[in-house]
Amino acid sequence: MHDLINYRHLYYFWVVSQEGSISAAARKLEMTPQTISSQLARLEAQMGKSLFTQVGRQLELTEAARSVLPFADQIFMLGEQMQQALSSDSTPRQRFNIGVADALPKTVAQQLLAKTHNDHTRLCCTEGSPDELMAKLALHQLDVVLADRPAAHGALRLESQRLAQCPVMILASPALAARYGENFPACLNGAPMLLPTRDSTLRIQLDIWFSAQQIVPDIVGEFADSALMQAFGIAGIGLYPAPVITPETIPSEQLQSLGHLDGQYADYYVIYAPKKINHPALDQLLHQCAQEQQHSAML
């Protein structure tokens, strides 16, 4: 490969990798799928490498494409920033692409990310399952993932740092709090309960805790999405567990705390792919991790 790369063809590759299919990229670019396919074929011929493989109806990146994508990310993200700089008199905001695991309470995510919000950063948040987000992180489509578990050891060359540890409270609507609020935690036995799904780290902890306390709640709902679980809790469908950084984040007119679960904490992690130069907002999160570790060591 001696000729200069055709950056227009590289841009089509970049959009296809982001959109996940040629048809989706064609809609975004307002082009025909056939045109994009032919341009990708020319790029592959120039590189001497295949960039995509067809798996069912989905396109998957080849190893060659995985090595090309980080460079394309930098090229075209810098291009976007350049356009912003040229169209504005002020300093453009730098995108910070964040994946938030669906099991993470939204109030917790907001507080964990609060310090990254400044005049120089534009937060771009995506929600999904941990596995989906880890895959995007490995492909450099995200700068960081916030999750309730660390990345698997050695998985996709990712690193994890604990960002926060939150006590777990049981919350209820005022009507259910009046009915089940006395003699905590024994009052949870037989009480209608909303819980995370069984693949959640918090759910595993809760099942062990309930068994140790000989408490058998009436499980009326299981949720992968913490925001949906909270909505059902506010509606009075059941009690539900909520990791809380500060009590002030509980909507007091809609929910009441029945108490803390002794010894039960939810750990939250920042997961990232190490680079020679990290995003400044990631450095801020890693600084928070260092502070959390110092705080834990003092307890």
C-alpha atoms as a PDB file:
ATOM      1  CA  MET A   1       0.000   0.000   0.000  1.00  0.00           C
ATOM      2  CA  HIS A   2       2.001   2.919  -1.375  1.00  0.00           C
ATOM      3  CA  ASP A   3      -0.728   5.313  -2.573  1.00  0.00           C
ATOM      4  CA  LEU A   4      -2.216   7.948  -0.278  1.00  0.00           C
ATOM      5  CA  ILE A   5      -5.386   6.669   1.379  1.00  0.00           C
ATOM      6  CA  ASN A   6      -8.605   7.976  -0.148  1.00  0.00           C
ATOM      7  CA  TYR A   7     -10.066   9.740   2.885  1.00  0.00           C
ATOM      8  CA  ARG A   8     -13.559   9.859   1.426  1.00  0.00           C
ATOM      9  CA  HIS A   9     -13.563   6.069   1.193  1.00  0.00           C
ATOM     10  CA  LEU A  10     -12.123   5.897   4.713  1.00  0.00           C
ATOM     11  CA  TYR A  11     -14.931   8.163   5.892  1.00  0.00           C
ATOM     12  CA  TYR A  12     -17.531   5.772   4.440  1.00  0.00           C
ATOM     13  CA  PHE A  13     -15.826   2.909   6.298  1.00  0.00           C
ATOM     14  CA  TRP A  14     -15.949   4.961   9.520  1.00  0.00           C
ATOM     15  CA  VAL A  15     -19.663   5.725   9.172  1.00  0.00           C
ATOM     16  CA  VAL A  16     -20.501   2.084   8.383  1.00  0.00           C
ATOM     17  CA  SER A  17     -18.557   0.938  11.468  1.00  0.00           C
ATOM     18  CA  GLN A  18     -20.510   3.415  13.611  1.00  0.00           C
ATOM     19  CA  GLU A  19     -23.938   2.662  12.130  1.00  0.00           C
ATOM     20  CA  GLY A  20     -23.443  -1.112  12.054  1.00  0.00           C
ATOM     21  CA  SER A  21     -24.630  -1.711   8.492  1.00  0.00           C
ATOM     22  CA  ILE A  22     -24.236  -0.365   4.974  1.00  0.00           C
ATOM     23  CA  SER A  23     -27.969   0.382   4.690  1.00  0.00           C
ATOM     24  CA  ALA A  24     -27.944   2.460   7.901  1.00  0.00           C
ATOM     25  CA  ALA A  25     -24.834   4.313   6.737  1.00  0.00           C
ATOM     26  CA  ALA A  26     -26.474   4.941   3.354  1.00  0.00           C
ATOM     27  CA  ARG A  27     -29.476   6.556   5.045  1.00  0.00           C
ATOM     28  CA  LYS A  28     -27.214   8.772   7.144  1.00  0.00           C
ATOM     29  CA  LEU A  29     -25.057   9.797   4.190  1.00  0.00           C
ATOM     30  CA  GLU A  30     -28.041  10.077   1.813  1.00  0.00           C
ATOM     31  CA  MET A  31     -26.375   7.715  -0.653  1.00  0.00           C
ATOM     32  CA  THR A  32     -27.306   4.366  -2.160  1.00  0.00           C
ATOM     33  CA  PRO A  33     -26.035   1.193  -0.457  1.00  0.00           C
ATOM     34  CA  GLN A  34     -24.554   0.114  -3.798  1.00  0.00           C
ATOM     35  CA  THR A  35     -22.409   3.257  -3.985  1.00  0.00           C
ATOM     36  CA  ILE A  36     -21.084   2.777  -0.464  1.00  0.00           C
ATOM     37  CA  SER A  37     -20.382  -0.914  -1.115  1.00  0.00           C
ATOM     38  CA  SER A  38     -18.369  -0.081  -4.222  1.00  0.00           C
ATOM     39  CA  GLN A  39     -16.373   2.615  -2.398  1.00  0.00           C
ATOM     40  CA  LEU A  40     -15.608   0.190   0.450  1.00  0.00           C
ATOM     41  CA  ALA A  41     -14.469  -2.393  -2.097  1.00  0.00           C
ATOM     42  CA  ARG A  42     -12.043   0.167  -3.550  1.00  0.00           C
ATOM     43  CA  LEU A  43     -10.711   0.946  -0.068  1.00  0.00           C
ATOM     44  CA  GLU A  44     -10.207  -2.768   0.627  1.00  0.00           C
ATOM     45  CA  ALA A  45      -8.421  -3.168  -2.700  1.00  0.00           C
ATOM     46  CA  GLN A  46      -6.142  -0.231  -1.932  1.00  0.00           C
ATOM     47  CA  MET A  47      -5.344  -1.571   1.530  1.00  0.00           C
ATOM     48  CA  GLY A  48      -5.077  -5.164   0.407  1.00  0.00           C
ATOM     49  CA  LYS A  49      -7.219  -6.173   3.392  1.00  0.00           C
ATOM     50  CA  SER A  50     -10.840  -7.145   3.973  1.00  0.00           C
ATOM     51  CA  LEU A  51     -12.558  -4.785   6.412  1.00  0.00           C
ATOM     52  CA  PHE A  52     -15.916  -6.466   7.051  1.00  0.00           C
ATOM     53  CA  THR A  53     -17.295  -9.976   7.297  1.00  0.00           C
ATOM     54  CA  GLN A  54     -20.981 -10.832   6.967  1.00  0.00           C
ATOM     55  CA  VAL A  55     -22.419 -12.656  10.000  1.00  0.00           C
ATOM     56  CA  GLY A  56     -26.111 -13.265   9.395  1.00  0.00           C
ATOM     57  CA  ARG A  57     -27.561  -9.840   8.654  1.00  0.00           C
ATOM     58  CA  GLN A  58     -24.865  -8.015  10.579  1.00  0.00           C
ATOM     59  CA  LEU A  59     -21.463  -6.751   9.506  1.00  0.00           C
ATOM     60  CA  GLU A  60     -18.528  -7.456  11.788  1.00  0.00           C
ATOM     61  CA  LEU A  61     -15.141  -5.777  11.672  1.00  0.00           C
ATOM     62  CA  THR A  62     -12.142  -7.867  10.661  1.00  0.00           C
ATOM     63  CA  GLU A  63      -8.886  -7.699  12.597  1.00  0.00           C
ATOM     64  CA  ALA A  64      -7.526  -5.321   9.954  1.00  0.00           C
ATOM     65  CA  ALA A  65     -10.545  -3.050  10.400  1.00  0.00           C
ATOM     66  CA  ARG A  66     -10.117  -3.069  14.180  1.00  0.00           C
ATOM     67  CA  SER A  67      -6.584  -1.774  13.733  1.00  0.00           C
ATOM     68  CA  VAL A  68      -7.721   0.908  11.260  1.00  0.00           C
ATOM     69  CA  LEU A  69     -10.738   2.143  13.253  1.00  0.00           C
ATOM     70  CA  PRO A  70      -8.882   3.980  16.082  1.00  0.00           C
ATOM     71  CA  PHE A  71      -7.014   6.037  13.477  1.00  0.00           C
ATOM     72  CA  ALA A  72     -10.242   6.797  11.614  1.00  0.00           C
ATOM     73  CA  ASP A  73     -11.845   7.817  14.928  1.00  0.00           C
ATOM     74  CA  GLN A  74      -9.108  10.343  15.583  1.00  0.00           C
ATOM     75  CA  ILE A  75      -9.055  11.664  12.012  1.00  0.00           C
ATOM     76  CA  PHE A  76     -12.770  12.329  11.705  1.00  0.00           C
ATOM     77  CA  MET A  77     -13.426  13.377  15.303  1.00  0.00           C
ATOM     78  CA  LEU A  78     -10.661  15.946  14.899  1.00  0.00           C
ATOM     79  CA  GLY A  79     -12.330  16.967  11.653  1.00  0.00           C
ATOM     80  CA  GLU A  80     -15.615  17.530  13.507  1.00  0.00           C
ATOM     81  CA  GLN A  81     -13.825  19.592  16.142  1.00  0.00           C
ATOM     82  CA  MET A  82     -12.115  21.634  13.426  1.00  0.00           C
ATOM     83  CA  GLN A  83     -15.479  22.407  11.824  1.00  0.00           C
ATOM     84  CA  GLN A  84     -16.851  23.471  15.212  1.00  0.00           C
ATOM     85  CA  ALA A  85     -13.830  25.698  15.780  1.00  0.00           C
ATOM     86  CA  LEU A  86     -14.241  27.346  12.384  1.00  0.00           C
ATOM     87  CA  SER A  87     -17.953  27.951  12.914  1.00  0.00           C
ATOM     88  CA  SER A  88     -17.643  29.389  16.422  1.00  0.00           C
ATOM     89  CA  ASP A  89     -15.747  32.231  18.027  1.00  0.00           C
ATOM     90  CA  SER A  90     -15.433  30.253  21.258  1.00  0.00           C
ATOM     91  CA  THR A  91     -13.305  27.183  22.025  1.00  0.00           C
ATOM     92  CA  PRO A  92     -15.182  24.059  20.833  1.00  0.00           C
ATOM     93  CA  ARG A  93     -16.300  21.502  23.384  1.00  0.00           C
ATOM     94  CA  GLN A  94     -14.523  18.148  23.231  1.00  0.00           C
ATOM     95  CA  ARG A  95     -16.855  15.158  22.942  1.00  0.00           C
ATOM     96  CA  PHE A  96     -16.722  12.692  25.829  1.00  0.00           C
ATOM     97  CA  ASN A  97     -18.485   9.506  24.722  1.00  0.00           C
ATOM     98  CA  ILE A  98     -19.800   7.600  27.740  1.00  0.00           C
ATOM     99  CA  GLY A  99     -21.508   4.237  27.931  1.00  0.00           C
ATOM    100  CA  VAL A 100     -23.779   3.824  30.958  1.00  0.00           C
ATOM    101  CA  ALA A 101     -24.782   0.264  31.880  1.00  0.00           C
ATOM    102  CA  ASP A 102     -28.566  -0.081  32.045  1.00  0.00           C
ATOM    103  CA  ALA A 103     -28.349  -1.484  35.590  1.00  0.00           C
ATOM    104  CA  LEU A 104     -26.689   1.713  36.841  1.00  0.00           C
ATOM    105  CA  PRO A 105     -29.151   4.028  38.661  1.00  0.00           C
ATOM    106  CA  LYS A 106     -29.427   7.228  36.657  1.00  0.00           C
ATOM    107  CA  THR A 107     -29.025   9.481  39.712  1.00  0.00           C
ATOM    108  CA  VAL A 108     -25.798   7.635  40.552  1.00  0.00           C
ATOM    109  CA  ALA A 109     -24.534   7.994  36.968  1.00  0.00           C
ATOM    110  CA  GLN A 110     -25.314  11.718  36.999  1.00  0.00           C
ATOM    111  CA  GLN A 111     -23.426  12.261  40.240  1.00  0.00           C
ATOM    112  CA  LEU A 112     -20.439  10.199  39.113  1.00  0.00           C
ATOM    113  CA  LEU A 113     -20.197  12.272  35.937  1.00  0.00           C
ATOM    114  CA  ALA A 114     -20.912  15.648  37.552  1.00  0.00           C
ATOM    115  CA  LYS A 115     -17.268  16.668  37.833  1.00  0.00           C
ATOM    116  CA  THR A 116     -16.612  16.005  34.154  1.00  0.00           C
ATOM    117  CA  HIS A 117     -19.103  18.704  33.139  1.00  0.00           C
ATOM    118  CA  ASN A 118     -17.320  21.930  32.284  1.00  0.00           C
ATOM    119  CA  ASP A 119     -17.040  24.593  29.598  1.00  0.00           C
ATOM    120  CA  HIS A 120     -14.736  22.418  27.480  1.00  0.00           C
ATOM    121  CA  THR A 121     -16.594  19.077  27.455  1.00  0.00           C
ATOM    122  CA  ARG A 122     -19.713  17.852  25.671  1.00  0.00           C
ATOM    123  CA  LEU A 123     -21.091  14.710  27.336  1.00  0.00           C
ATOM    124  CA  CYS A 124     -22.516  12.133  24.911  1.00  0.00           C
ATOM    125  CA  CYS A 125     -24.168   9.307  26.874  1.00  0.00           C
ATOM    126  CA  THR A 126     -25.245   5.922  25.510  1.00  0.00           C
ATOM    127  CA  GLU A 127     -27.119   3.305  27.540  1.00  0.00           C
ATOM    128  CA  GLY A 128     -26.936  -0.444  27.014  1.00  0.00           C
ATOM    129  CA  SER A 129     -25.956  -3.797  28.449  1.00  0.00           C
ATOM    130  CA  PRO A 130     -22.393  -4.118  29.791  1.00  0.00           C
ATOM    131  CA  ASP A 131     -21.420  -6.530  26.995  1.00  0.00           C
ATOM    132  CA  GLU A 132     -22.695  -4.184  24.267  1.00  0.00           C
ATOM    133  CA  LEU A 133     -20.902  -1.214  25.784  1.00  0.00           C
ATOM    134  CA  MET A 134     -17.622  -3.103  26.287  1.00  0.00           C
ATOM    135  CA  ALA A 135     -17.634  -4.061  22.605  1.00  0.00           C
ATOM    136  CA  LYS A 136     -18.125  -0.414  21.596  1.00  0.00           C
ATOM    137  CA  LEU A 137     -15.380   0.631  23.989  1.00  0.00           C
ATOM    138  CA  ALA A 138     -12.971  -1.884  22.468  1.00  0.00           C
ATOM    139  CA  LEU A 139     -13.798  -0.460  19.023  1.00  0.00           C
ATOM    140  CA  HIS A 140     -13.073   3.071  20.319  1.00  0.00           C
ATOM    141  CA  GLN A 141     -16.666   4.149  19.755  1.00  0.00           C
ATOM    142  CA  LEU A 142     -16.771   5.108  23.446  1.00  0.00           C
ATOM    143  CA  ASP A 143     -14.208   6.803  25.663  1.00  0.00           C
ATOM    144  CA  VAL A 144     -15.389   5.146  28.868  1.00  0.00           C
ATOM    145  CA  VAL A 145     -18.028   2.817  30.321  1.00  0.00           C
ATOM    146  CA  LEU A 146     -19.661   3.118  33.733  1.00  0.00           C
ATOM    147  CA  ALA A 147     -20.826  -0.272  35.025  1.00  0.00           C
ATOM    148  CA  ASP A 148     -21.680  -2.220  38.164  1.00  0.00           C
ATOM    149  CA  ARG A 149     -18.873  -4.710  37.546  1.00  0.00           C
ATOM    150  CA  PRO A 150     -15.269  -4.513  36.317  1.00  0.00           C
ATOM    151  CA  ALA A 151     -14.306  -5.755  32.886  1.00  0.00           C
ATOM    152  CA  ALA A 152     -13.468  -9.459  32.809  1.00  0.00           C
ATOM    153  CA  HIS A 153      -9.776 -10.083  33.419  1.00  0.00           C
ATOM    154  CA  GLY A 154      -7.888  -9.554  30.177  1.00  0.00           C
ATOM    155  CA  ALA A 155     -11.084  -8.835  28.261  1.00  0.00           C
ATOM    156  CA  LEU A 156     -10.554  -6.761  25.115  1.00  0.00           C
ATOM    157  CA  ARG A 157      -7.498  -5.054  26.653  1.00  0.00           C
ATOM    158  CA  LEU A 158      -9.674  -2.971  28.963  1.00  0.00           C
ATOM    159  CA  GLU A 159      -8.852  -1.648  32.417  1.00  0.00           C
ATOM    160  CA  SER A 160     -11.203  -1.024  35.347  1.00  0.00           C
ATOM    161  CA  GLN A 161     -11.058   1.230  38.384  1.00  0.00           C
ATOM    162  CA  ARG A 162     -13.625   1.405  41.177  1.00  0.00           C
ATOM    163  CA  LEU A 163     -15.245   4.820  41.057  1.00  0.00           C
ATOM    164  CA  ALA A 164     -17.692   4.667  43.980  1.00  0.00           C
ATOM    165  CA  GLN A 165     -19.178   2.420  46.635  1.00  0.00           C
ATOM    166  CA  CYS A 166     -22.777   3.164  47.629  1.00  0.00           C
ATOM    167  CA  PRO A 167     -24.888   1.801  50.509  1.00  0.00           C
ATOM    168  CA  VAL A 168     -28.066   0.008  49.426  1.00  0.00           C
ATOM    169  CA  MET A 169     -31.409   1.293  50.707  1.00  0.00           C
ATOM    170  CA  ILE A 170     -34.912  -0.102  50.353  1.00  0.00           C
ATOM    171  CA  LEU A 171     -37.283   2.523  48.956  1.00  0.00           C
ATOM    172  CA  ALA A 172     -41.074   2.534  48.790  1.00  0.00           C
ATOM    173  CA  SER A 173     -43.989   4.731  47.812  1.00  0.00           C
ATOM    174  CA  PRO A 174     -45.619   6.507  50.801  1.00  0.00           C
ATOM    175  CA  ALA A 175     -48.526   4.015  50.824  1.00  0.00           C
ATOM    176  CA  LEU A 176     -46.252   0.959  50.868  1.00  0.00           C
ATOM    177  CA  ALA A 177     -43.916   2.623  53.379  1.00  0.00           C
ATOM    178  CA  ALA A 178     -46.858   3.079  55.759  1.00  0.00           C
ATOM    179  CA  ARG A 179     -47.765  -0.595  55.372  1.00  0.00           C
ATOM    180  CA  TYR A 180     -44.293  -2.165  55.518  1.00  0.00           C
ATOM    181  CA  GLY A 181     -42.185   0.470  57.253  1.00  0.00           C
ATOM    182  CA  GLU A 182     -41.983  -1.041  60.745  1.00  0.00           C
ATOM    183  CA  ASN A 183     -39.555  -3.647  62.094  1.00  0.00           C
ATOM    184  CA  PHE A 184     -37.006  -3.323  59.285  1.00  0.00           C
ATOM    185  CA  PRO A 185     -35.666  -5.554  57.770  1.00  0.00           C
ATOM    186  CA  ALA A 186     -38.042  -8.298  58.970  1.00  0.00           C
ATOM    187  CA  CYS A 187     -40.879  -6.331  57.342  1.00  0.00           C
ATOM    188  CA  LEU A 188     -39.445  -7.286  53.946  1.00  0.00           C
ATOM    189  CA  ASN A 189     -40.524 -10.911  54.412  1.00  0.00           C
ATOM    190  CA  GLY A 190     -43.501 -11.419  52.096  1.00  0.00           C
ATOM    191  CA  ALA A 191     -43.471  -7.780  50.966  1.00  0.00           C
ATOM    192  CA  PRO A 192     -43.943  -7.033  47.243  1.00  0.00           C
ATOM    193  CA  MET A 193     -40.449  -6.486  45.872  1.00  0.00           C
ATOM    194  CA  LEU A 194     -39.010  -5.154  42.623  1.00  0.00           C
ATOM    195  CA  LEU A 195     -35.509  -6.450  41.919  1.00  0.00           C
ATOM    196  CA  PRO A 196     -32.795  -6.227  39.261  1.00  0.00           C
ATOM    197  CA  THR A 197     -32.573  -9.170  36.863  1.00  0.00           C
ATOM    198  CA  ARG A 198     -30.517 -12.182  37.933  1.00  0.00           C
ATOM    199  CA  ASP A 199     -27.510 -11.260  35.780  1.00  0.00           C
ATOM    200  CA  SER A 200     -27.034  -8.073  37.820  1.00  0.00           C
ATOM    201  CA  THR A 201     -24.240  -7.907  40.403  1.00  0.00           C
ATOM    202  CA  LEU A 202     -26.608  -6.253  42.885  1.00  0.00           C
ATOM    203  CA  ARG A 203     -29.204  -9.012  42.430  1.00  0.00           C
ATOM    204  CA  ILE A 204     -26.640 -11.690  43.240  1.00  0.00           C
ATOM    205  CA  GLN A 205     -25.716  -9.835  46.447  1.00  0.00           C
ATOM    206  CA  LEU A 206     -29.365  -9.366  47.413  1.00  0.00           C
ATOM    207  CA  ASP A 207     -30.256 -13.032  46.900  1.00  0.00           C
ATOM    208  CA  ILE A 208     -27.402 -14.030  49.216  1.00  0.00           C
ATOM    209  CA  TRP A 209     -28.410 -11.400  51.786  1.00  0.00           C
ATOM    210  CA  PHE A 210     -32.103 -12.384  51.779  1.00  0.00           C
ATOM    211  CA  SER A 211     -31.156 -16.035  52.235  1.00  0.00           C
ATOM    212  CA  ALA A 212     -28.820 -15.229  55.151  1.00  0.00           C
ATOM    213  CA  GLN A 213     -31.544 -13.141  56.822  1.00  0.00           C
ATOM    214  CA  GLN A 214     -34.186 -15.827  56.137  1.00  0.00           C
ATOM    215  CA  ILE A 215     -36.276 -13.245  54.317  1.00  0.00           C
ATOM    216  CA  VAL A 216     -38.433 -14.318  51.370  1.00  0.00           C
ATOM    217  CA  PRO A 217     -39.872 -11.282  49.576  1.00  0.00           C
ATOM    218  CA  ASP A 218     -42.726 -11.556  47.089  1.00  0.00           C
ATOM    219  CA  ILE A 219     -40.903 -10.719  43.850  1.00  0.00           C
ATOM    220  CA  VAL A 220     -43.461  -8.928  41.678  1.00  0.00           C
ATOM    221  CA  GLY A 221     -41.068  -7.634  39.021  1.00  0.00           C
ATOM    222  CA  GLU A 222     -37.520  -7.965  37.680  1.00  0.00           C
ATOM    223  CA  PHE A 223     -35.839  -5.199  35.684  1.00  0.00           C
ATOM    224  CA  ALA A 224     -32.657  -4.795  33.661  1.00  0.00           C
ATOM    225  CA  ASP A 225     -33.270  -1.026  33.519  1.00  0.00           C
ATOM    226  CA  SER A 226     -32.923   0.722  36.885  1.00  0.00           C
ATOM    227  CA  ALA A 227     -34.967   3.737  35.735  1.00  0.00           C
ATOM    228  CA  LEU A 228     -37.906   1.484  34.827  1.00  0.00           C
ATOM    229  CA  MET A 229     -37.650  -0.250  38.209  1.00  0.00           C
ATOM    230  CA  GLN A 230     -37.772   3.149  39.931  1.00  0.00           C
ATOM    231  CA  ALA A 231     -40.838   4.137  37.881  1.00  0.00           C
ATOM    232  CA  PHE A 232     -42.666   1.003  39.070  1.00  0.00           C
ATOM    233  CA  GLY A 233     -41.528   1.745  42.630  1.00  0.00           C
ATOM    234  CA  ILE A 234     -42.890   5.292  42.488  1.00  0.00           C
ATOM    235  CA  ALA A 235     -46.174   3.868  41.145  1.00  0.00           C
ATOM    236  CA  GLY A 236     -46.471   1.754  44.306  1.00  0.00           C
ATOM    237  CA  ILE A 237     -46.100  -1.643  42.636  1.00  0.00           C
ATOM    238  CA  GLY A 238     -43.438  -2.786  45.096  1.00  0.00           C
ATOM    239  CA  LEU A 239     -40.502  -1.920  47.314  1.00  0.00           C
ATOM    240  CA  TYR A 240     -37.135  -1.799  45.570  1.00  0.00           C
ATOM    241  CA  PRO A 241     -33.407  -1.636  46.382  1.00  0.00           C
ATOM    242  CA  ALA A 242     -31.521   1.502  45.429  1.00  0.00           C
ATOM    243  CA  PRO A 243     -27.829   2.290  45.814  1.00  0.00           C
ATOM    244  CA  VAL A 244     -27.686   5.896  47.013  1.00  0.00           C
ATOM    245  CA  ILE A 245     -24.667   8.213  47.036  1.00  0.00           C
ATOM    246  CA  THR A 246     -26.459  10.874  49.087  1.00  0.00           C
ATOM    247  CA  PRO A 247     -29.976  10.765  50.630  1.00  0.00           C
ATOM    248  CA  GLU A 248     -30.720  14.104  48.949  1.00  0.00           C
ATOM    249  CA  THR A 249     -31.050  12.293  45.609  1.00  0.00           C
ATOM    250  CA  ILE A 250     -34.188  10.424  46.762  1.00  0.00           C
ATOM    251  CA  PRO A 251     -37.381  12.135  45.484  1.00  0.00           C
ATOM    252  CA  SER A 252     -38.866  12.591  48.972  1.00  0.00           C
ATOM    253  CA  GLU A 253     -42.440  13.345  47.849  1.00  0.00           C
ATOM    254  CA  GLN A 254     -42.617  10.122  45.841  1.00  0.00           C
ATOM    255  CA  LEU A 255     -40.421   7.697  47.785  1.00  0.00           C
ATOM    256  CA  GLN A 256     -39.427   6.962  51.356  1.00  0.00           C
ATOM    257  CA  SER A 257     -36.513   4.958  52.695  1.00  0.00           C
ATOM    258  CA  LEU A 258     -37.354   1.969  54.883  1.00  0.00           C
ATOM    259  CA  GLY A 259     -33.698   1.492  55.852  1.00  0.00           C
ATOM    260  CA  HIS A 260     -30.216   0.402  54.790  1.00  0.00           C
ATOM    261  CA  LEU A 261     -29.278  -3.228  54.176  1.00  0.00           C
ATOM    262  CA  ASP A 262     -26.452  -3.874  56.631  1.00  0.00           C
ATOM    263  CA  GLY A 263     -23.163  -4.665  54.943  1.00  0.00           C
ATOM    264  CA  GLN A 264     -24.575  -4.330  51.437  1.00  0.00           C
ATOM    265  CA  TYR A 265     -22.859  -1.942  49.049  1.00  0.00           C
ATOM    266  CA  ALA A 266     -22.994  -1.444  45.309  1.00  0.00           C
ATOM    267  CA  ASP A 267     -19.647  -0.898  43.619  1.00  0.00           C
ATOM    268  CA  TYR A 268     -19.425   1.132  40.430  1.00  0.00           C
ATOM    269  CA  TYR A 269     -16.523   1.069  38.004  1.00  0.00           C
ATOM    270  CA  VAL A 270     -15.060   3.199  35.271  1.00  0.00           C
ATOM    271  CA  ILE A 271     -13.817   0.984  32.418  1.00  0.00           C
ATOM    272  CA  TYR A 272     -11.572   2.285  29.664  1.00  0.00           C
ATOM    273  CA  ALA A 273      -9.121   1.319  26.943  1.00  0.00           C
ATOM    274  CA  PRO A 274      -5.720   2.781  27.887  1.00  0.00           C
ATOM    275  CA  LYS A 275      -4.258   5.237  25.389  1.00  0.00           C
ATOM    276  CA  LYS A 276      -1.053   7.220  25.254  1.00  0.00           C
ATOM    277  CA  ILE A 277      -3.111  10.367  25.800  1.00  0.00           C
ATOM    278  CA  ASN A 278      -6.374   9.980  27.726  1.00  0.00           C
ATOM    279  CA  HIS A 279      -9.393  12.228  27.319  1.00  0.00           C
ATOM    280  CA  PRO A 280      -9.168  14.983  29.991  1.00  0.00           C
ATOM    281  CA  ALA A 281     -12.577  13.970  31.376  1.00  0.00           C
ATOM    282  CA  LEU A 282     -11.347  10.379  31.758  1.00  0.00           C
ATOM    283  CA  ASP A 283      -8.356  11.675  33.698  1.00  0.00           C
ATOM    284  CA  GLN A 284     -10.835  13.467  35.981  1.00  0.00           C
ATOM    285  CA  LEU A 285     -12.731  10.214  36.570  1.00  0.00           C
ATOM    286  CA  LEU A 286      -9.497   8.331  37.283  1.00  0.00           C
ATOM    287  CA  HIS A 287      -8.610  11.037  39.814  1.00  0.00           C
ATOM    288  CA  GLN A 288     -11.975  10.348  41.486  1.00  0.00           C
ATOM    289  CA  CYS A 289     -11.060   6.639  41.540  1.00  0.00           C
ATOM    290  CA  ALA A 290      -7.787   7.432  43.327  1.00  0.00           C
ATOM    291  CA  GLN A 291      -9.688   9.492  45.906  1.00  0.00           C
ATOM    292  CA  GLU A 292     -12.170   6.628  46.423  1.00  0.00           C
ATOM    293  CA  GLN A 293      -9.310   4.184  47.022  1.00  0.00           C
ATOM    294  CA  GLN A 294      -7.708   6.543  49.553  1.00  0.00           C
ATOM    295  CA  HIS A 295     -11.060   6.952  51.323  1.00  0.00           C
ATOM    296  CA  SER A 296     -11.601   3.168  51.460  1.00  0.00           C
ATOM    297  CA  ALA A 297      -8.088   2.643  52.854  1.00  0.00           C
ATOM    298  CA  MET A 298      -8.841   5.046  55.707  1.00  0.00           C
ATOM    299  CA  LEU A 299     -12.036   3.223  56.769  1.00  0.00           C
END
